[in-house]
Amino acid sequence: MRFSVADGGNRHPSSALVGGTVPIAQDPLSVEVTLPRKDVVLLTVEGYLDVDTATELQAHLANQLHHGRRHFLLDLSRVPFMDSSGMNIILRVYQEVRDRPGSVHIIDPAPAVRRILDLTGVSITVPVSRTADDALALVDRQPGESPRADEERG
């Protein structure tokens, strides 16, 4: 017998919910932040990136923008689902950093997420890389960037 989580933490057999719906609690979004270099941040995201969780990612991105990061590497390999809220967060940070100048790179999106990125054209605007190292290589190829640029800025 399957159980669904209902309001108030009570558990009810899903077969007893004829004609009604019960919200099912999902795992929260997890975001791990790593700084490969001074102006580059790698955010490894895990969980569903949707209307209920997108603000968590948005808060991490805003914090990194506030701290002067210019290049954002978003590892979406552990994101099985993303809706338009998640895409909007990615596009907003893309718009914010392109004037710095900076960049956003998506790393190894899960197949369902990759399909959404391709269907909406986001993958044309925001580069998609297989690995963080591949994305860092793209950062280094941008005008004015070099592998030692951060060391020189100190």
N, C-alpha and C. Protein backbone atom coordinates (compact mmCIF):
# COMPACT_ATOMS: atom_id res chain seq x y z
N MET A 1 0.84 -1.17 0.00
CA MET A 1 0.00 0.00 0.00
C MET A 1 0.89 1.24 0.00
N ARG A 2 0.58 2.21 -0.87
CA ARG A 2 1.33 3.45 -0.93
C ARG A 2 0.71 4.48 0.00
N PHE A 3 1.55 5.31 0.58
CA PHE A 3 1.08 6.37 1.46
C PHE A 3 1.52 7.71 0.92
N SER A 4 0.70 8.71 1.11
CA SER A 4 1.03 10.08 0.73
C SER A 4 1.01 10.93 1.99
N VAL A 5 1.83 11.95 1.99
CA VAL A 5 1.85 12.85 3.14
C VAL A 5 0.75 13.89 2.95
N ALA A 6 -0.10 14.01 3.94
CA ALA A 6 -1.20 14.98 3.87
C ALA A 6 -0.91 16.13 4.81
N ASP A 7 -1.76 17.14 4.76
CA ASP A 7 -1.61 18.28 5.66
C ASP A 7 -1.56 17.81 7.11
N GLY A 8 -0.74 18.45 7.91
CA GLY A 8 -0.64 18.13 9.32
C GLY A 8 0.21 16.92 9.61
N GLY A 9 0.85 16.37 8.59
CA GLY A 9 1.73 15.24 8.81
C GLY A 9 1.00 13.91 8.95
N ASN A 10 -0.33 13.89 8.79
CA ASN A 10 -1.07 12.64 8.86
C ASN A 10 -0.82 11.84 7.60
N ARG A 11 -0.76 10.53 7.74
CA ARG A 11 -0.53 9.67 6.58
C ARG A 11 -1.84 8.97 6.23
N HIS A 12 -2.15 8.99 4.95
CA HIS A 12 -3.37 8.36 4.46
C HIS A 12 -3.01 7.46 3.29
N PRO A 13 -3.63 6.28 3.19
CA PRO A 13 -3.39 5.48 2.00
C PRO A 13 -3.85 6.25 0.77
N SER A 14 -3.03 6.26 -0.29
CA SER A 14 -3.40 7.02 -1.48
C SER A 14 -4.68 6.49 -2.10
N SER A 15 -5.00 5.21 -1.88
CA SER A 15 -6.24 4.66 -2.43
C SER A 15 -7.47 5.25 -1.74
N ALA A 16 -7.30 5.84 -0.55
CA ALA A 16 -8.42 6.42 0.18
C ALA A 16 -8.72 7.85 -0.26
N LEU A 17 -7.96 8.37 -1.22
CA LEU A 17 -8.11 9.76 -1.63
C LEU A 17 -8.91 9.88 -2.91
N VAL A 18 -9.96 9.13 -3.04
CA VAL A 18 -10.77 9.16 -4.25
C VAL A 18 -11.34 10.55 -4.45
N GLY A 19 -11.09 11.10 -5.62
CA GLY A 19 -11.64 12.41 -5.95
C GLY A 19 -10.88 13.59 -5.37
N GLY A 20 -9.84 13.36 -4.61
CA GLY A 20 -9.08 14.46 -4.02
C GLY A 20 -7.60 14.32 -4.29
N THR A 21 -6.89 15.38 -4.05
CA THR A 21 -5.44 15.33 -4.20
C THR A 21 -4.79 15.71 -2.89
N VAL A 22 -3.65 15.16 -2.65
CA VAL A 22 -2.90 15.45 -1.44
C VAL A 22 -1.49 15.83 -1.88
N PRO A 23 -0.99 16.98 -1.41
CA PRO A 23 0.37 17.33 -1.78
C PRO A 23 1.36 16.33 -1.22
N ILE A 24 2.30 15.92 -2.04
CA ILE A 24 3.33 15.00 -1.60
C ILE A 24 4.60 15.80 -1.35
N ALA A 25 5.13 15.69 -0.16
CA ALA A 25 6.35 16.44 0.17
C ALA A 25 7.50 15.90 -0.67
N GLN A 26 8.29 16.81 -1.21
CA GLN A 26 9.45 16.40 -1.98
C GLN A 26 10.71 16.82 -1.23
N ASP A 27 11.80 16.21 -1.62
CA ASP A 27 13.06 16.56 -0.98
C ASP A 27 13.39 18.01 -1.29
N PRO A 28 13.97 18.70 -0.34
CA PRO A 28 14.36 20.09 -0.58
C PRO A 28 15.52 20.15 -1.58
N LEU A 29 15.69 21.30 -2.15
CA LEU A 29 16.79 21.52 -3.07
C LEU A 29 18.07 21.66 -2.26
N SER A 30 19.12 21.06 -2.75
CA SER A 30 20.43 21.16 -2.11
C SER A 30 21.37 21.87 -3.07
N VAL A 31 22.11 22.86 -2.58
CA VAL A 31 23.05 23.60 -3.40
C VAL A 31 24.40 23.62 -2.68
N GLU A 32 25.40 23.04 -3.33
CA GLU A 32 26.77 23.05 -2.80
C GLU A 32 27.55 24.11 -3.56
N VAL A 33 28.22 25.00 -2.85
CA VAL A 33 28.95 26.11 -3.45
C VAL A 33 30.45 25.86 -3.31
N THR A 34 31.16 25.93 -4.45
CA THR A 34 32.61 25.75 -4.49
C THR A 34 33.20 26.90 -5.28
N LEU A 35 34.36 27.37 -4.85
CA LEU A 35 35.03 28.47 -5.55
C LEU A 35 36.31 27.96 -6.20
N PRO A 36 36.24 27.56 -7.49
CA PRO A 36 37.44 27.09 -8.16
C PRO A 36 38.49 28.19 -8.32
N ARG A 37 38.02 29.42 -8.45
CA ARG A 37 38.88 30.60 -8.55
C ARG A 37 38.13 31.77 -7.93
N LYS A 38 38.83 32.87 -7.77
CA LYS A 38 38.26 34.02 -7.05
C LYS A 38 36.95 34.53 -7.66
N ASP A 39 36.87 34.63 -8.99
CA ASP A 39 35.66 35.18 -9.60
C ASP A 39 34.78 34.11 -10.26
N VAL A 40 35.06 32.84 -9.96
CA VAL A 40 34.29 31.73 -10.53
C VAL A 40 33.65 30.95 -9.39
N VAL A 41 32.36 30.67 -9.53
CA VAL A 41 31.66 29.86 -8.53
C VAL A 41 31.02 28.66 -9.23
N LEU A 42 31.17 27.50 -8.61
CA LEU A 42 30.53 26.28 -9.06
C LEU A 42 29.42 25.96 -8.08
N LEU A 43 28.19 25.92 -8.59
CA LEU A 43 27.04 25.56 -7.76
C LEU A 43 26.54 24.19 -8.22
N THR A 44 26.65 23.21 -7.34
CA THR A 44 26.18 21.86 -7.63
C THR A 44 24.79 21.73 -7.03
N VAL A 45 23.81 21.56 -7.89
CA VAL A 45 22.41 21.58 -7.49
C VAL A 45 21.88 20.15 -7.48
N GLU A 46 21.11 19.81 -6.44
CA GLU A 46 20.53 18.48 -6.35
C GLU A 46 19.08 18.59 -5.91
N GLY A 47 18.19 17.94 -6.66
CA GLY A 47 16.77 17.95 -6.34
C GLY A 47 15.95 18.58 -7.45
N TYR A 48 14.67 18.67 -7.22
CA TYR A 48 13.76 19.26 -8.20
C TYR A 48 13.91 20.78 -8.18
N LEU A 49 14.12 21.36 -9.36
CA LEU A 49 14.26 22.81 -9.48
C LEU A 49 12.96 23.33 -10.09
N ASP A 50 12.06 23.74 -9.21
CA ASP A 50 10.73 24.14 -9.66
C ASP A 50 10.24 25.34 -8.85
N VAL A 51 8.98 25.65 -9.01
CA VAL A 51 8.40 26.84 -8.37
C VAL A 51 8.57 26.80 -6.85
N ASP A 52 8.59 25.62 -6.26
CA ASP A 52 8.72 25.50 -4.81
C ASP A 52 10.16 25.64 -4.32
N THR A 53 11.14 25.40 -5.19
CA THR A 53 12.53 25.37 -4.74
C THR A 53 13.43 26.39 -5.42
N ALA A 54 12.97 27.04 -6.47
CA ALA A 54 13.82 27.94 -7.26
C ALA A 54 14.37 29.10 -6.43
N THR A 55 13.63 29.55 -5.43
CA THR A 55 14.12 30.68 -4.62
C THR A 55 15.38 30.30 -3.83
N GLU A 56 15.54 29.02 -3.52
CA GLU A 56 16.75 28.56 -2.83
C GLU A 56 17.97 28.79 -3.73
N LEU A 57 17.87 28.39 -4.99
CA LEU A 57 18.98 28.62 -5.93
C LEU A 57 19.17 30.11 -6.16
N GLN A 58 18.09 30.84 -6.29
CA GLN A 58 18.17 32.28 -6.50
C GLN A 58 18.92 32.97 -5.36
N ALA A 59 18.69 32.54 -4.13
CA ALA A 59 19.39 33.14 -2.98
C ALA A 59 20.89 32.88 -3.05
N HIS A 60 21.28 31.67 -3.44
CA HIS A 60 22.71 31.36 -3.57
C HIS A 60 23.34 32.19 -4.69
N LEU A 61 22.65 32.32 -5.81
CA LEU A 61 23.18 33.10 -6.93
C LEU A 61 23.32 34.57 -6.54
N ALA A 62 22.30 35.11 -5.88
CA ALA A 62 22.35 36.52 -5.46
C ALA A 62 23.51 36.76 -4.50
N ASN A 63 23.74 35.84 -3.59
CA ASN A 63 24.85 35.96 -2.65
C ASN A 63 26.19 35.98 -3.39
N GLN A 64 26.33 35.13 -4.38
CA GLN A 64 27.59 35.09 -5.13
C GLN A 64 27.76 36.33 -6.01
N LEU A 65 26.69 36.85 -6.56
CA LEU A 65 26.76 38.11 -7.31
C LEU A 65 27.20 39.23 -6.38
N HIS A 66 26.63 39.25 -5.19
CA HIS A 66 26.98 40.27 -4.19
C HIS A 66 28.47 40.22 -3.84
N HIS A 67 29.04 39.03 -3.85
CA HIS A 67 30.46 38.86 -3.53
C HIS A 67 31.37 39.01 -4.75
N GLY A 68 30.82 39.49 -5.85
CA GLY A 68 31.64 39.83 -7.01
C GLY A 68 31.98 38.70 -7.96
N ARG A 69 31.34 37.56 -7.82
CA ARG A 69 31.61 36.48 -8.77
C ARG A 69 31.10 36.90 -10.15
N ARG A 70 31.88 36.57 -11.17
CA ARG A 70 31.50 36.94 -12.53
C ARG A 70 31.13 35.73 -13.38
N HIS A 71 31.64 34.57 -13.02
CA HIS A 71 31.40 33.37 -13.82
C HIS A 71 30.71 32.32 -12.96
N PHE A 72 29.58 31.82 -13.46
CA PHE A 72 28.74 30.89 -12.72
C PHE A 72 28.68 29.56 -13.46
N LEU A 73 29.12 28.50 -12.80
CA LEU A 73 29.06 27.16 -13.34
C LEU A 73 27.96 26.42 -12.57
N LEU A 74 26.92 26.02 -13.27
CA LEU A 74 25.76 25.38 -12.63
C LEU A 74 25.74 23.90 -12.99
N ASP A 75 26.11 23.05 -12.04
CA ASP A 75 26.10 21.60 -12.25
C ASP A 75 24.68 21.11 -11.99
N LEU A 76 23.99 20.72 -13.06
CA LEU A 76 22.60 20.28 -12.96
C LEU A 76 22.47 18.77 -13.18
N SER A 77 23.55 18.04 -12.99
CA SER A 77 23.53 16.60 -13.24
C SER A 77 22.63 15.84 -12.27
N ARG A 78 22.35 16.43 -11.10
CA ARG A 78 21.50 15.77 -10.10
C ARG A 78 20.15 16.47 -9.95
N VAL A 79 19.74 17.13 -11.03
CA VAL A 79 18.42 17.78 -11.07
C VAL A 79 17.57 16.98 -12.06
N PRO A 80 16.68 16.11 -11.56
CA PRO A 80 15.89 15.28 -12.46
C PRO A 80 14.75 16.03 -13.15
N PHE A 81 14.39 17.20 -12.61
CA PHE A 81 13.26 17.95 -13.16
C PHE A 81 13.50 19.43 -12.94
N MET A 82 13.18 20.22 -13.98
CA MET A 82 13.25 21.68 -13.86
C MET A 82 12.07 22.26 -14.62
N ASP A 83 11.36 23.20 -14.00
CA ASP A 83 10.26 23.86 -14.69
C ASP A 83 10.70 25.27 -15.10
N SER A 84 9.74 26.07 -15.55
CA SER A 84 10.06 27.42 -16.04
C SER A 84 10.64 28.32 -14.95
N SER A 85 10.32 28.05 -13.70
CA SER A 85 10.90 28.84 -12.60
C SER A 85 12.42 28.66 -12.55
N GLY A 86 12.87 27.45 -12.70
CA GLY A 86 14.31 27.18 -12.73
C GLY A 86 14.98 27.82 -13.92
N MET A 87 14.34 27.72 -15.09
CA MET A 87 14.90 28.35 -16.29
C MET A 87 14.98 29.86 -16.13
N ASN A 88 13.95 30.45 -15.55
CA ASN A 88 13.96 31.91 -15.35
C ASN A 88 15.09 32.35 -14.43
N ILE A 89 15.39 31.58 -13.41
CA ILE A 89 16.50 31.90 -12.51
C ILE A 89 17.82 31.89 -13.29
N ILE A 90 18.01 30.86 -14.11
CA ILE A 90 19.23 30.76 -14.92
C ILE A 90 19.34 31.93 -15.88
N LEU A 91 18.25 32.27 -16.54
CA LEU A 91 18.28 33.38 -17.51
C LEU A 91 18.50 34.72 -16.81
N ARG A 92 17.95 34.88 -15.62
CA ARG A 92 18.16 36.14 -14.88
C ARG A 92 19.62 36.34 -14.50
N VAL A 93 20.26 35.28 -14.01
CA VAL A 93 21.68 35.43 -13.64
C VAL A 93 22.52 35.63 -14.90
N TYR A 94 22.12 35.00 -16.00
CA TYR A 94 22.82 35.21 -17.28
C TYR A 94 22.76 36.69 -17.67
N GLN A 95 21.58 37.30 -17.57
CA GLN A 95 21.44 38.72 -17.90
C GLN A 95 22.25 39.60 -16.97
N GLU A 96 22.28 39.25 -15.69
CA GLU A 96 23.03 40.06 -14.71
C GLU A 96 24.53 40.04 -14.97
N VAL A 97 25.08 38.87 -15.30
CA VAL A 97 26.54 38.76 -15.41
C VAL A 97 27.09 39.17 -16.76
N ARG A 98 26.28 39.19 -17.79
CA ARG A 98 26.85 39.51 -19.10
C ARG A 98 27.34 40.95 -19.18
N ASP A 99 26.84 41.84 -18.33
CA ASP A 99 27.30 43.23 -18.32
C ASP A 99 28.53 43.43 -17.43
N ARG A 100 28.97 42.42 -16.69
CA ARG A 100 30.08 42.58 -15.74
C ARG A 100 31.44 42.66 -16.40
N PRO A 101 31.91 42.09 -17.39
CA PRO A 101 31.35 40.96 -18.14
C PRO A 101 31.60 39.65 -17.39
N GLY A 102 30.71 38.72 -17.64
CA GLY A 102 30.81 37.43 -17.00
C GLY A 102 30.11 36.38 -17.82
N SER A 103 29.86 35.22 -17.23
CA SER A 103 29.24 34.14 -17.99
C SER A 103 28.52 33.17 -17.06
N VAL A 104 27.62 32.41 -17.66
CA VAL A 104 26.93 31.32 -16.99
C VAL A 104 27.13 30.09 -17.85
N HIS A 105 27.44 28.97 -17.22
CA HIS A 105 27.64 27.71 -17.92
C HIS A 105 26.85 26.63 -17.18
N ILE A 106 26.12 25.82 -17.94
CA ILE A 106 25.40 24.69 -17.36
C ILE A 106 26.25 23.45 -17.57
N ILE A 107 26.40 22.67 -16.53
CA ILE A 107 27.24 21.48 -16.58
C ILE A 107 26.39 20.22 -16.48
N ASP A 108 26.56 19.35 -17.46
CA ASP A 108 26.02 17.98 -17.46
C ASP A 108 24.58 17.87 -16.97
N PRO A 109 23.65 18.58 -17.62
CA PRO A 109 22.26 18.49 -17.15
C PRO A 109 21.70 17.08 -17.34
N ALA A 110 20.85 16.67 -16.42
CA ALA A 110 20.16 15.39 -16.54
C ALA A 110 19.37 15.39 -17.85
N PRO A 111 19.09 14.22 -18.43
CA PRO A 111 18.43 14.16 -19.74
C PRO A 111 17.13 14.95 -19.84
N ALA A 112 16.27 14.86 -18.84
CA ALA A 112 15.00 15.59 -18.90
C ALA A 112 15.23 17.10 -18.87
N VAL A 113 16.21 17.54 -18.09
CA VAL A 113 16.53 18.96 -18.02
C VAL A 113 17.16 19.42 -19.32
N ARG A 114 18.05 18.61 -19.90
CA ARG A 114 18.69 18.95 -21.17
C ARG A 114 17.62 19.13 -22.26
N ARG A 115 16.64 18.25 -22.25
CA ARG A 115 15.57 18.35 -23.25
C ARG A 115 14.83 19.68 -23.12
N ILE A 116 14.51 20.09 -21.92
CA ILE A 116 13.84 21.38 -21.70
C ILE A 116 14.72 22.53 -22.16
N LEU A 117 16.01 22.47 -21.83
CA LEU A 117 16.94 23.53 -22.24
C LEU A 117 17.02 23.62 -23.76
N ASP A 118 17.03 22.47 -24.43
CA ASP A 118 17.09 22.46 -25.90
C ASP A 118 15.78 22.94 -26.53
N LEU A 119 14.66 22.45 -26.01
CA LEU A 119 13.36 22.83 -26.58
C LEU A 119 13.07 24.32 -26.45
N THR A 120 13.52 24.92 -25.37
CA THR A 120 13.26 26.34 -25.13
C THR A 120 14.33 27.26 -25.71
N GLY A 121 15.43 26.68 -26.19
CA GLY A 121 16.51 27.48 -26.76
C GLY A 121 17.47 28.03 -25.72
N VAL A 122 17.27 27.71 -24.45
CA VAL A 122 18.17 28.19 -23.41
C VAL A 122 19.59 27.67 -23.64
N SER A 123 19.70 26.44 -24.16
CA SER A 123 21.03 25.86 -24.38
C SER A 123 21.78 26.54 -25.53
N ILE A 124 21.10 27.33 -26.32
CA ILE A 124 21.76 28.13 -27.36
C ILE A 124 22.37 29.38 -26.73
N THR A 125 21.66 29.96 -25.78
CA THR A 125 22.11 31.18 -25.11
C THR A 125 23.13 30.90 -24.02
N VAL A 126 22.87 29.89 -23.21
CA VAL A 126 23.74 29.54 -22.08
C VAL A 126 24.51 28.27 -22.45
N PRO A 127 25.84 28.35 -22.52
CA PRO A 127 26.62 27.17 -22.92
C PRO A 127 26.42 25.99 -21.98
N VAL A 128 26.39 24.80 -22.57
CA VAL A 128 26.26 23.55 -21.82
C VAL A 128 27.55 22.76 -22.00
N SER A 129 28.18 22.38 -20.90
CA SER A 129 29.43 21.63 -20.92
C SER A 129 29.26 20.28 -20.23
N ARG A 130 30.12 19.33 -20.59
CA ARG A 130 30.06 18.01 -19.96
C ARG A 130 30.64 18.02 -18.55
N THR A 131 31.69 18.83 -18.32
CA THR A 131 32.36 18.84 -17.02
C THR A 131 32.65 20.27 -16.58
N ALA A 132 32.96 20.43 -15.31
CA ALA A 132 33.35 21.74 -14.79
C ALA A 132 34.65 22.20 -15.44
N ASP A 133 35.57 21.28 -15.70
CA ASP A 133 36.82 21.65 -16.36
C ASP A 133 36.57 22.18 -17.77
N ASP A 134 35.62 21.56 -18.49
CA ASP A 134 35.27 22.05 -19.83
C ASP A 134 34.70 23.46 -19.74
N ALA A 135 33.85 23.71 -18.75
CA ALA A 135 33.26 25.04 -18.57
C ALA A 135 34.34 26.06 -18.21
N LEU A 136 35.28 25.68 -17.34
CA LEU A 136 36.37 26.59 -16.99
C LEU A 136 37.22 26.92 -18.21
N ALA A 137 37.42 25.95 -19.09
CA ALA A 137 38.17 26.21 -20.32
C ALA A 137 37.45 27.24 -21.18
N LEU A 138 36.11 27.18 -21.23
CA LEU A 138 35.34 28.19 -21.97
C LEU A 138 35.48 29.57 -21.32
N VAL A 139 35.47 29.61 -20.00
CA VAL A 139 35.67 30.88 -19.29
C VAL A 139 37.02 31.47 -19.67
N ASP A 140 38.04 30.63 -19.70
CA ASP A 140 39.39 31.10 -20.02
C ASP A 140 39.53 31.60 -21.45
N ARG A 141 38.67 31.13 -22.34
CA ARG A 141 38.72 31.57 -23.74
C ARG A 141 38.00 32.88 -23.99
N GLN A 142 37.30 33.38 -22.98
CA GLN A 142 36.59 34.65 -23.16
C GLN A 142 37.60 35.78 -23.26
N PRO A 143 37.28 36.83 -24.04
CA PRO A 143 38.19 37.97 -24.14
C PRO A 143 38.52 38.53 -22.77
N GLY A 144 39.81 38.77 -22.54
CA GLY A 144 40.24 39.36 -21.27
C GLY A 144 40.42 38.36 -20.15
N GLU A 145 40.18 37.08 -20.42
CA GLU A 145 40.33 36.05 -19.39
C GLU A 145 41.52 35.17 -19.73
N SER A 146 42.19 34.70 -18.72
CA SER A 146 43.26 33.73 -18.87
C SER A 146 43.27 32.85 -17.63
N PRO A 147 43.90 31.69 -17.70
CA PRO A 147 43.92 30.82 -16.51
C PRO A 147 44.52 31.51 -15.30
N ARG A 148 45.38 32.50 -15.50
CA ARG A 148 46.01 33.17 -14.37
C ARG A 148 45.40 34.54 -14.09
N ALA A 149 44.31 34.87 -14.75
CA ALA A 149 43.72 36.21 -14.60
C ALA A 149 43.37 36.50 -13.14
N ASP A 150 42.85 35.52 -12.43
CA ASP A 150 42.47 35.74 -11.04
C ASP A 150 43.69 35.94 -10.15
N GLU A 151 44.76 35.20 -10.44
CA GLU A 151 45.98 35.36 -9.64
C GLU A 151 46.55 36.76 -9.83
N GLU A 152 46.47 37.27 -11.07
CA GLU A 152 46.99 38.60 -11.35
C GLU A 152 46.15 39.67 -10.66
N ARG A 153 44.81 39.44 -10.59
CA ARG A 153 43.94 40.42 -9.93
C ARG A 153 44.11 40.35 -8.42
N GLY A 154 44.57 39.17 -7.97
CA GLY A 154 44.92 38.96 -6.59
C GLY A 154 43.93 39.05 -5.57
